[in-house]
Amino acid sequence: MAWYHSYFKGLPQVAWKLHQDEEYTDFEVDFLRDVLELKKGNQVLDILSGYGRHALPLAEAGCKMTCIDISAEYCDELSNAKTKRKLPVEVLCGDVLETDFGQGKFDAAYCLGNSLSFFPRADMLRFFTKIAGSVKPGGHVALHTENLAESILPNFQARNWMPVGDDIYYLAENEYRPEEGCIEAQQTFISGSEKVTHTVYQYIYTLAEISAMLESVGLKVVGTFGNLEADPFVLGDEQLYLVAVRK
């Protein structure tokens, strides 16, 4: 069973949500509306949606959202929010690699939140194949990662830590495995007397690898950006926003 099946619950789940910036999320939603060319009534797929920080405002703008995530806690939170606000959101709880979310059904799809590093190479190709198959020809796909090789490796940190909110501390010990293109990380979350540690495997890809895999499954890359202002991605940028079109 992959590490992410048991990761997103308890302290890690709480810490992830606390780490999100609401204003920045608003900027990301505006970015998605633009690059995905979203219109009212569009069917949109949110992959690894979490608690719906992008999906809920897009649903309020008139998009019909389908959201998939593996965290039961996040899915319950999203389901409760969409019911309370009476929004057109379908919530699918499960592993994205194993869940059927429809073929050729969506006008657009996106995966934001730094999740692309979850998958080793064979699974990544399966992941991209499923995304490509779900989107109509001409439909746009947006992807985001902070773990691209060009971002991580120039300033690789073997150890790092940071406070999350007022009560949680996050610590990581990282070992890069070049033969696997993978970072094995021991991630620890501490809050008061509670301490949770997970072993996490983050698979590191170059932009060329990502682009080649997308091309092989029928997704043509049309933009690679280092920020939400759409400046072209360059070596050392801390994150990548990639936009592709279904052939």
C-alpha atoms as a PDB file:
ATOM      1  CA  MET A   1       0.000   0.000   0.000  1.00  0.00           C
ATOM      2  CA  ALA A   2       1.380   3.402  -0.981  1.00  0.00           C
ATOM      3  CA  TRP A   3       2.396   5.771   1.825  1.00  0.00           C
ATOM      4  CA  TYR A   4      -0.268   8.339   0.961  1.00  0.00           C
ATOM      5  CA  HIS A   5      -3.069   5.875   1.801  1.00  0.00           C
ATOM      6  CA  SER A   6      -2.475   6.420   5.528  1.00  0.00           C
ATOM      7  CA  TYR A   7      -0.812   9.858   5.591  1.00  0.00           C
ATOM      8  CA  PHE A   8      -3.694  12.330   5.356  1.00  0.00           C
ATOM      9  CA  LYS A   9      -5.348  11.973   8.722  1.00  0.00           C
ATOM     10  CA  GLY A  10      -4.733  13.390  12.168  1.00  0.00           C
ATOM     11  CA  LEU A  11      -1.910  15.900  12.599  1.00  0.00           C
ATOM     12  CA  PRO A  12      -0.589  15.794   8.979  1.00  0.00           C
ATOM     13  CA  GLN A  13      -4.075  16.507   7.677  1.00  0.00           C
ATOM     14  CA  VAL A  14      -4.599  19.375  10.117  1.00  0.00           C
ATOM     15  CA  ALA A  15      -1.141  20.793   9.358  1.00  0.00           C
ATOM     16  CA  TRP A  16      -1.715  20.720   5.597  1.00  0.00           C
ATOM     17  CA  LYS A  17      -4.900  22.741   5.932  1.00  0.00           C
ATOM     18  CA  LEU A  18      -3.332  25.240   8.344  1.00  0.00           C
ATOM     19  CA  HIS A  19      -0.440  25.758   5.911  1.00  0.00           C
ATOM     20  CA  GLN A  20      -2.753  26.976   3.132  1.00  0.00           C
ATOM     21  CA  ASP A  21      -3.097  30.704   2.549  1.00  0.00           C
ATOM     22  CA  GLU A  22      -6.668  31.760   1.717  1.00  0.00           C
ATOM     23  CA  GLU A  23      -5.623  34.806  -0.285  1.00  0.00           C
ATOM     24  CA  TYR A  24      -3.179  32.747  -2.359  1.00  0.00           C
ATOM     25  CA  THR A  25      -5.891  30.137  -2.928  1.00  0.00           C
ATOM     26  CA  ASP A  26      -8.110  32.916  -4.322  1.00  0.00           C
ATOM     27  CA  PHE A  27      -5.319  33.822  -6.761  1.00  0.00           C
ATOM     28  CA  GLU A  28      -5.046  30.152  -7.792  1.00  0.00           C
ATOM     29  CA  VAL A  29      -8.791  29.997  -8.435  1.00  0.00           C
ATOM     30  CA  ASP A  30      -8.534  33.066 -10.692  1.00  0.00           C
ATOM     31  CA  PHE A  31      -5.581  31.422 -12.461  1.00  0.00           C
ATOM     32  CA  LEU A  32      -7.633  28.256 -13.046  1.00  0.00           C
ATOM     33  CA  ARG A  33     -10.566  30.219 -14.453  1.00  0.00           C
ATOM     34  CA  ASP A  34      -8.179  31.862 -16.902  1.00  0.00           C
ATOM     35  CA  VAL A  35      -5.928  29.026 -18.098  1.00  0.00           C
ATOM     36  CA  LEU A  36      -8.695  26.400 -18.156  1.00  0.00           C
ATOM     37  CA  GLU A  37     -10.998  28.833 -19.991  1.00  0.00           C
ATOM     38  CA  LEU A  38     -13.822  27.956 -17.609  1.00  0.00           C
ATOM     39  CA  LYS A  39     -17.414  28.903 -18.323  1.00  0.00           C
ATOM     40  CA  LYS A  40     -20.585  28.552 -16.306  1.00  0.00           C
ATOM     41  CA  GLY A  41     -21.940  25.021 -16.651  1.00  0.00           C
ATOM     42  CA  ASN A  42     -18.560  23.417 -17.445  1.00  0.00           C
ATOM     43  CA  GLN A  43     -17.902  19.955 -16.043  1.00  0.00           C
ATOM     44  CA  VAL A  44     -14.597  20.214 -14.145  1.00  0.00           C
ATOM     45  CA  LEU A  45     -12.504  17.506 -12.464  1.00  0.00           C
ATOM     46  CA  ASP A  46     -10.537  18.407  -9.307  1.00  0.00           C
ATOM     47  CA  ILE A  47      -7.941  15.666  -8.752  1.00  0.00           C
ATOM     48  CA  LEU A  48      -6.644  15.196  -5.182  1.00  0.00           C
ATOM     49  CA  SER A  49      -9.039  17.924  -4.154  1.00  0.00           C
ATOM     50  CA  GLY A  50      -8.488  17.906  -0.397  1.00  0.00           C
ATOM     51  CA  TYR A  51     -11.201  19.808   1.434  1.00  0.00           C
ATOM     52  CA  GLY A  52     -12.245  21.663  -1.727  1.00  0.00           C
ATOM     53  CA  ARG A  53     -10.403  24.966  -1.389  1.00  0.00           C
ATOM     54  CA  HIS A  54     -10.476  25.404  -5.196  1.00  0.00           C
ATOM     55  CA  ALA A  55     -13.580  23.367  -6.003  1.00  0.00           C
ATOM     56  CA  LEU A  56     -16.018  25.217  -3.757  1.00  0.00           C
ATOM     57  CA  PRO A  57     -15.402  28.704  -5.197  1.00  0.00           C
ATOM     58  CA  LEU A  58     -15.441  27.293  -8.738  1.00  0.00           C
ATOM     59  CA  ALA A  59     -18.781  25.623  -7.983  1.00  0.00           C
ATOM     60  CA  GLU A  60     -20.078  28.935  -6.648  1.00  0.00           C
ATOM     61  CA  ALA A  61     -19.060  30.467  -9.982  1.00  0.00           C
ATOM     62  CA  GLY A  62     -21.263  27.957 -11.817  1.00  0.00           C
ATOM     63  CA  CYS A  63     -18.944  25.039 -12.642  1.00  0.00           C
ATOM     64  CA  LYS A  64     -20.165  21.487 -12.060  1.00  0.00           C
ATOM     65  CA  MET A  65     -17.377  19.943  -9.999  1.00  0.00           C
ATOM     66  CA  THR A  66     -16.279  16.348  -9.526  1.00  0.00           C
ATOM     67  CA  CYS A  67     -13.702  16.001  -6.756  1.00  0.00           C
ATOM     68  CA  ILE A  68     -11.576  13.001  -5.865  1.00  0.00           C
ATOM     69  CA  ASP A  69      -9.366  12.585  -2.796  1.00  0.00           C
ATOM     70  CA  ILE A  70      -8.086   9.698  -0.683  1.00  0.00           C
ATOM     71  CA  SER A  71      -8.623  11.367   2.703  1.00  0.00           C
ATOM     72  CA  ALA A  72     -11.959  10.353   4.231  1.00  0.00           C
ATOM     73  CA  GLU A  73     -11.745  13.334   6.589  1.00  0.00           C
ATOM     74  CA  TYR A  74     -11.295  15.814   3.749  1.00  0.00           C
ATOM     75  CA  CYS A  75     -14.039  14.162   1.688  1.00  0.00           C
ATOM     76  CA  ASP A  76     -16.456  14.354   4.615  1.00  0.00           C
ATOM     77  CA  GLU A  77     -15.588  18.030   5.130  1.00  0.00           C
ATOM     78  CA  LEU A  78     -16.103  18.782   1.424  1.00  0.00           C
ATOM     79  CA  SER A  79     -19.384  16.829   1.318  1.00  0.00           C
ATOM     80  CA  ASN A  80     -20.717  18.747   4.306  1.00  0.00           C
ATOM     81  CA  ALA A  81     -19.666  22.090   2.805  1.00  0.00           C
ATOM     82  CA  LYS A  82     -21.246  21.442  -0.590  1.00  0.00           C
ATOM     83  CA  THR A  83     -24.483  20.253   1.051  1.00  0.00           C
ATOM     84  CA  LYS A  84     -24.650  23.271   3.364  1.00  0.00           C
ATOM     85  CA  ARG A  85     -23.985  25.667   0.482  1.00  0.00           C
ATOM     86  CA  LYS A  86     -26.118  23.699  -2.028  1.00  0.00           C
ATOM     87  CA  LEU A  87     -23.356  23.523  -4.637  1.00  0.00           C
ATOM     88  CA  PRO A  88     -23.006  21.229  -7.691  1.00  0.00           C
ATOM     89  CA  VAL A  89     -20.132  19.117  -6.326  1.00  0.00           C
ATOM     90  CA  GLU A  90     -19.755  15.337  -6.566  1.00  0.00           C
ATOM     91  CA  VAL A  91     -17.269  13.868  -4.074  1.00  0.00           C
ATOM     92  CA  LEU A  92     -15.410  10.618  -4.806  1.00  0.00           C
ATOM     93  CA  CYS A  93     -13.336   9.192  -1.955  1.00  0.00           C
ATOM     94  CA  GLY A  94     -10.572   6.792  -2.992  1.00  0.00           C
ATOM     95  CA  ASP A  95      -7.215   6.263  -4.663  1.00  0.00           C
ATOM     96  CA  VAL A  96      -7.182   8.239  -7.896  1.00  0.00           C
ATOM     97  CA  LEU A  97      -5.375   5.360  -9.642  1.00  0.00           C
ATOM     98  CA  GLU A  98      -8.201   2.941  -8.821  1.00  0.00           C
ATOM     99  CA  THR A  99     -11.303   5.159  -8.974  1.00  0.00           C
ATOM    100  CA  ASP A 100     -13.501   5.461 -12.066  1.00  0.00           C
ATOM    101  CA  PHE A 101     -14.405   9.092 -12.665  1.00  0.00           C
ATOM    102  CA  GLY A 102     -15.603   8.808 -16.267  1.00  0.00           C
ATOM    103  CA  GLN A 103     -14.167   8.904 -19.775  1.00  0.00           C
ATOM    104  CA  GLY A 104     -14.327  12.015 -21.950  1.00  0.00           C
ATOM    105  CA  LYS A 105     -16.729  13.621 -19.509  1.00  0.00           C
ATOM    106  CA  PHE A 106     -14.948  16.793 -18.424  1.00  0.00           C
ATOM    107  CA  ASP A 107     -14.396  20.151 -20.073  1.00  0.00           C
ATOM    108  CA  ALA A 108     -11.294  20.691 -17.916  1.00  0.00           C
ATOM    109  CA  ALA A 109      -9.280  19.116 -15.106  1.00  0.00           C
ATOM    110  CA  TYR A 110      -6.656  20.211 -12.636  1.00  0.00           C
ATOM    111  CA  CYS A 111      -4.388  18.872  -9.883  1.00  0.00           C
ATOM    112  CA  LEU A 112      -3.026  21.594  -7.606  1.00  0.00           C
ATOM    113  CA  GLY A 113      -1.391  21.294  -4.202  1.00  0.00           C
ATOM    114  CA  ASN A 114       1.995  19.716  -4.895  1.00  0.00           C
ATOM    115  CA  SER A 115       0.767  16.153  -5.335  1.00  0.00           C
ATOM    116  CA  LEU A 116       2.576  15.028  -8.508  1.00  0.00           C
ATOM    117  CA  SER A 117       5.521  13.678  -6.514  1.00  0.00           C
ATOM    118  CA  PHE A 118       3.305  10.991  -4.929  1.00  0.00           C
ATOM    119  CA  PHE A 119       3.737   8.599  -7.847  1.00  0.00           C
ATOM    120  CA  PRO A 120       6.693   6.507  -9.083  1.00  0.00           C
ATOM    121  CA  ARG A 121       7.199   6.468 -12.835  1.00  0.00           C
ATOM    122  CA  ALA A 122       4.880   3.611 -13.828  1.00  0.00           C
ATOM    123  CA  ASP A 123       2.079   4.977 -11.644  1.00  0.00           C
ATOM    124  CA  MET A 124       2.667   8.505 -12.894  1.00  0.00           C
ATOM    125  CA  LEU A 125       2.051   7.335 -16.439  1.00  0.00           C
ATOM    126  CA  ARG A 126      -1.168   5.617 -15.272  1.00  0.00           C
ATOM    127  CA  PHE A 127      -2.139   8.846 -13.506  1.00  0.00           C
ATOM    128  CA  PHE A 128      -1.618  10.981 -16.605  1.00  0.00           C
ATOM    129  CA  THR A 129      -3.399   8.402 -18.787  1.00  0.00           C
ATOM    130  CA  LYS A 130      -6.475   8.594 -16.551  1.00  0.00           C
ATOM    131  CA  ILE A 131      -6.477  12.395 -16.625  1.00  0.00           C
ATOM    132  CA  ALA A 132      -6.109  12.495 -20.404  1.00  0.00           C
ATOM    133  CA  GLY A 133      -8.914   9.990 -20.867  1.00  0.00           C
ATOM    134  CA  SER A 134     -11.272  11.961 -18.655  1.00  0.00           C
ATOM    135  CA  VAL A 135     -11.048  15.235 -20.599  1.00  0.00           C
ATOM    136  CA  LYS A 136     -12.802  16.088 -23.847  1.00  0.00           C
ATOM    137  CA  PRO A 137     -10.657  16.887 -26.909  1.00  0.00           C
ATOM    138  CA  GLY A 138      -9.654  20.543 -26.687  1.00  0.00           C
ATOM    139  CA  GLY A 139     -10.139  20.554 -22.928  1.00  0.00           C
ATOM    140  CA  HIS A 140      -7.451  22.085 -20.729  1.00  0.00           C
ATOM    141  CA  VAL A 141      -5.537  20.500 -17.845  1.00  0.00           C
ATOM    142  CA  ALA A 142      -3.577  22.392 -15.160  1.00  0.00           C
ATOM    143  CA  LEU A 143      -0.960  20.747 -12.916  1.00  0.00           C
ATOM    144  CA  HIS A 144       1.133  22.088 -10.048  1.00  0.00           C
ATOM    145  CA  THR A 145       4.235  20.840  -8.239  1.00  0.00           C
ATOM    146  CA  GLU A 146       6.898  22.196  -5.916  1.00  0.00           C
ATOM    147  CA  ASN A 147       8.991  19.032  -6.260  1.00  0.00           C
ATOM    148  CA  LEU A 148      10.284  19.356  -9.794  1.00  0.00           C
ATOM    149  CA  ALA A 149      13.980  18.427 -10.122  1.00  0.00           C
ATOM    150  CA  GLU A 150      14.813  21.932 -11.335  1.00  0.00           C
ATOM    151  CA  SER A 151      13.234  23.326  -8.146  1.00  0.00           C
ATOM    152  CA  ILE A 152      14.422  20.853  -5.500  1.00  0.00           C
ATOM    153  CA  LEU A 153      17.891  19.686  -6.449  1.00  0.00           C
ATOM    154  CA  PRO A 154      19.792  23.005  -6.861  1.00  0.00           C
ATOM    155  CA  ASN A 155      19.225  23.777  -3.157  1.00  0.00           C
ATOM    156  CA  PHE A 156      18.522  20.337  -1.700  1.00  0.00           C
ATOM    157  CA  GLN A 157      17.993  20.368   2.077  1.00  0.00           C
ATOM    158  CA  ALA A 158      18.742  17.225   4.073  1.00  0.00           C
ATOM    159  CA  ARG A 159      16.894  18.637   7.086  1.00  0.00           C
ATOM    160  CA  ASN A 160      14.276  21.315   7.503  1.00  0.00           C
ATOM    161  CA  TRP A 161      11.587  22.378   9.930  1.00  0.00           C
ATOM    162  CA  MET A 162       8.883  25.005  10.323  1.00  0.00           C
ATOM    163  CA  PRO A 163       6.006  25.959  12.614  1.00  0.00           C
ATOM    164  CA  VAL A 164       2.518  25.360  11.228  1.00  0.00           C
ATOM    165  CA  GLY A 165      -0.083  27.609  12.784  1.00  0.00           C
ATOM    166  CA  ASP A 166       0.346  28.248  16.507  1.00  0.00           C
ATOM    167  CA  ASP A 167       0.494  24.697  17.823  1.00  0.00           C
ATOM    168  CA  ILE A 168       2.159  22.345  15.301  1.00  0.00           C
ATOM    169  CA  TYR A 169       5.804  21.906  14.369  1.00  0.00           C
ATOM    170  CA  TYR A 170       6.891  20.094  11.212  1.00  0.00           C
ATOM    171  CA  LEU A 171      10.337  18.488  10.883  1.00  0.00           C
ATOM    172  CA  ALA A 172      11.793  16.505   7.968  1.00  0.00           C
ATOM    173  CA  GLU A 173      14.927  14.482   7.332  1.00  0.00           C
ATOM    174  CA  ASN A 174      15.420  13.973   3.589  1.00  0.00           C
ATOM    175  CA  GLU A 175      17.596  11.509   1.681  1.00  0.00           C
ATOM    176  CA  TYR A 176      17.794  11.762  -2.096  1.00  0.00           C
ATOM    177  CA  ARG A 177      18.059   8.431  -3.923  1.00  0.00           C
ATOM    178  CA  PRO A 178      19.407   9.258  -7.392  1.00  0.00           C
ATOM    179  CA  GLU A 179      19.030   5.709  -8.736  1.00  0.00           C
ATOM    180  CA  GLU A 180      15.280   5.935  -8.100  1.00  0.00           C
ATOM    181  CA  GLY A 181      14.797   9.658  -8.629  1.00  0.00           C
ATOM    182  CA  CYS A 182      13.187   9.726  -5.202  1.00  0.00           C
ATOM    183  CA  ILE A 183      13.438  11.563  -1.881  1.00  0.00           C
ATOM    184  CA  GLU A 184      12.822   9.366   1.150  1.00  0.00           C
ATOM    185  CA  ALA A 185      11.661  11.683   3.911  1.00  0.00           C
ATOM    186  CA  GLN A 186      11.024  11.096   7.588  1.00  0.00           C
ATOM    187  CA  GLN A 187       8.349  13.678   8.362  1.00  0.00           C
ATOM    188  CA  THR A 188       7.435  14.406  11.961  1.00  0.00           C
ATOM    189  CA  PHE A 189       4.544  16.502  13.270  1.00  0.00           C
ATOM    190  CA  ILE A 190       4.524  17.611  16.914  1.00  0.00           C
ATOM    191  CA  SER A 191       1.679  19.286  18.782  1.00  0.00           C
ATOM    192  CA  GLY A 192       1.962  19.401  22.570  1.00  0.00           C
ATOM    193  CA  SER A 193       2.481  15.833  23.755  1.00  0.00           C
ATOM    194  CA  GLU A 194       1.328  14.353  20.410  1.00  0.00           C
ATOM    195  CA  LYS A 195       3.952  13.247  17.905  1.00  0.00           C
ATOM    196  CA  VAL A 196       3.328  11.598  14.514  1.00  0.00           C
ATOM    197  CA  THR A 197       6.057  10.389  12.131  1.00  0.00           C
ATOM    198  CA  HIS A 198       5.599   9.111   8.573  1.00  0.00           C
ATOM    199  CA  THR A 199       8.016   7.810   5.967  1.00  0.00           C
ATOM    200  CA  VAL A 200       7.194   9.582   2.722  1.00  0.00           C
ATOM    201  CA  TYR A 201       8.498   8.890  -0.788  1.00  0.00           C
ATOM    202  CA  GLN A 202       8.525  11.887  -3.120  1.00  0.00           C
ATOM    203  CA  TYR A 203       9.386  11.071  -6.728  1.00  0.00           C
ATOM    204  CA  ILE A 204      11.342  13.785  -8.494  1.00  0.00           C
ATOM    205  CA  TYR A 205      10.867  14.493 -12.212  1.00  0.00           C
ATOM    206  CA  THR A 206      12.425  16.950 -14.613  1.00  0.00           C
ATOM    207  CA  LEU A 207      10.130  19.186 -16.613  1.00  0.00           C
ATOM    208  CA  ALA A 208      11.242  17.313 -19.740  1.00  0.00           C
ATOM    209  CA  GLU A 209      10.103  13.995 -18.219  1.00  0.00           C
ATOM    210  CA  ILE A 210       6.701  15.390 -17.234  1.00  0.00           C
ATOM    211  CA  SER A 211       6.203  16.952 -20.665  1.00  0.00           C
ATOM    212  CA  ALA A 212       7.178  13.754 -22.488  1.00  0.00           C
ATOM    213  CA  MET A 213       4.781  11.633 -20.433  1.00  0.00           C
ATOM    214  CA  LEU A 214       1.939  14.073 -20.992  1.00  0.00           C
ATOM    215  CA  GLU A 215       2.626  14.124 -24.736  1.00  0.00           C
ATOM    216  CA  SER A 216       2.627  10.308 -24.828  1.00  0.00           C
ATOM    217  CA  VAL A 217      -0.920  10.150 -23.413  1.00  0.00           C
ATOM    218  CA  GLY A 218      -2.346  12.860 -25.676  1.00  0.00           C
ATOM    219  CA  LEU A 219      -1.849  16.017 -23.631  1.00  0.00           C
ATOM    220  CA  LYS A 220       0.038  18.805 -25.390  1.00  0.00           C
ATOM    221  CA  VAL A 221       1.880  21.167 -23.053  1.00  0.00           C
ATOM    222  CA  VAL A 222       1.041  24.786 -23.920  1.00  0.00           C
ATOM    223  CA  GLY A 223       2.448  26.634 -20.911  1.00  0.00           C
ATOM    224  CA  THR A 224       4.983  26.159 -18.096  1.00  0.00           C
ATOM    225  CA  PHE A 225       4.991  28.905 -15.484  1.00  0.00           C
ATOM    226  CA  GLY A 226       6.996  29.635 -12.356  1.00  0.00           C
ATOM    227  CA  ASN A 227       4.211  31.619 -10.677  1.00  0.00           C
ATOM    228  CA  LEU A 228       0.599  32.722 -10.997  1.00  0.00           C
ATOM    229  CA  GLU A 229       1.663  35.778 -12.993  1.00  0.00           C
ATOM    230  CA  ALA A 230       2.513  33.291 -15.787  1.00  0.00           C
ATOM    231  CA  ASP A 231       6.229  34.078 -15.954  1.00  0.00           C
ATOM    232  CA  PRO A 232       7.992  31.257 -17.849  1.00  0.00           C
ATOM    233  CA  PHE A 233       9.405  28.531 -15.600  1.00  0.00           C
ATOM    234  CA  VAL A 234      13.211  28.655 -15.233  1.00  0.00           C
ATOM    235  CA  LEU A 235      15.821  26.692 -13.294  1.00  0.00           C
ATOM    236  CA  GLY A 236      15.540  27.390  -9.583  1.00  0.00           C
ATOM    237  CA  ASP A 237      11.896  28.472  -9.544  1.00  0.00           C
ATOM    238  CA  GLU A 238      10.242  27.116  -6.407  1.00  0.00           C
ATOM    239  CA  GLN A 239       7.162  25.786  -8.185  1.00  0.00           C
ATOM    240  CA  LEU A 240       5.725  24.878 -11.550  1.00  0.00           C
ATOM    241  CA  TYR A 241       2.258  25.548 -12.952  1.00  0.00           C
ATOM    242  CA  LEU A 242       1.819  23.568 -16.169  1.00  0.00           C
ATOM    243  CA  VAL A 243      -1.052  23.870 -18.638  1.00  0.00           C
ATOM    244  CA  ALA A 244      -1.815  21.259 -21.308  1.00  0.00           C
ATOM    245  CA  VAL A 245      -4.549  20.681 -23.883  1.00  0.00           C
ATOM    246  CA  ARG A 246      -6.179  17.360 -24.757  1.00  0.00           C
ATOM    247  CA  LYS A 247      -5.372  16.560 -28.406  1.00  0.00           C
END
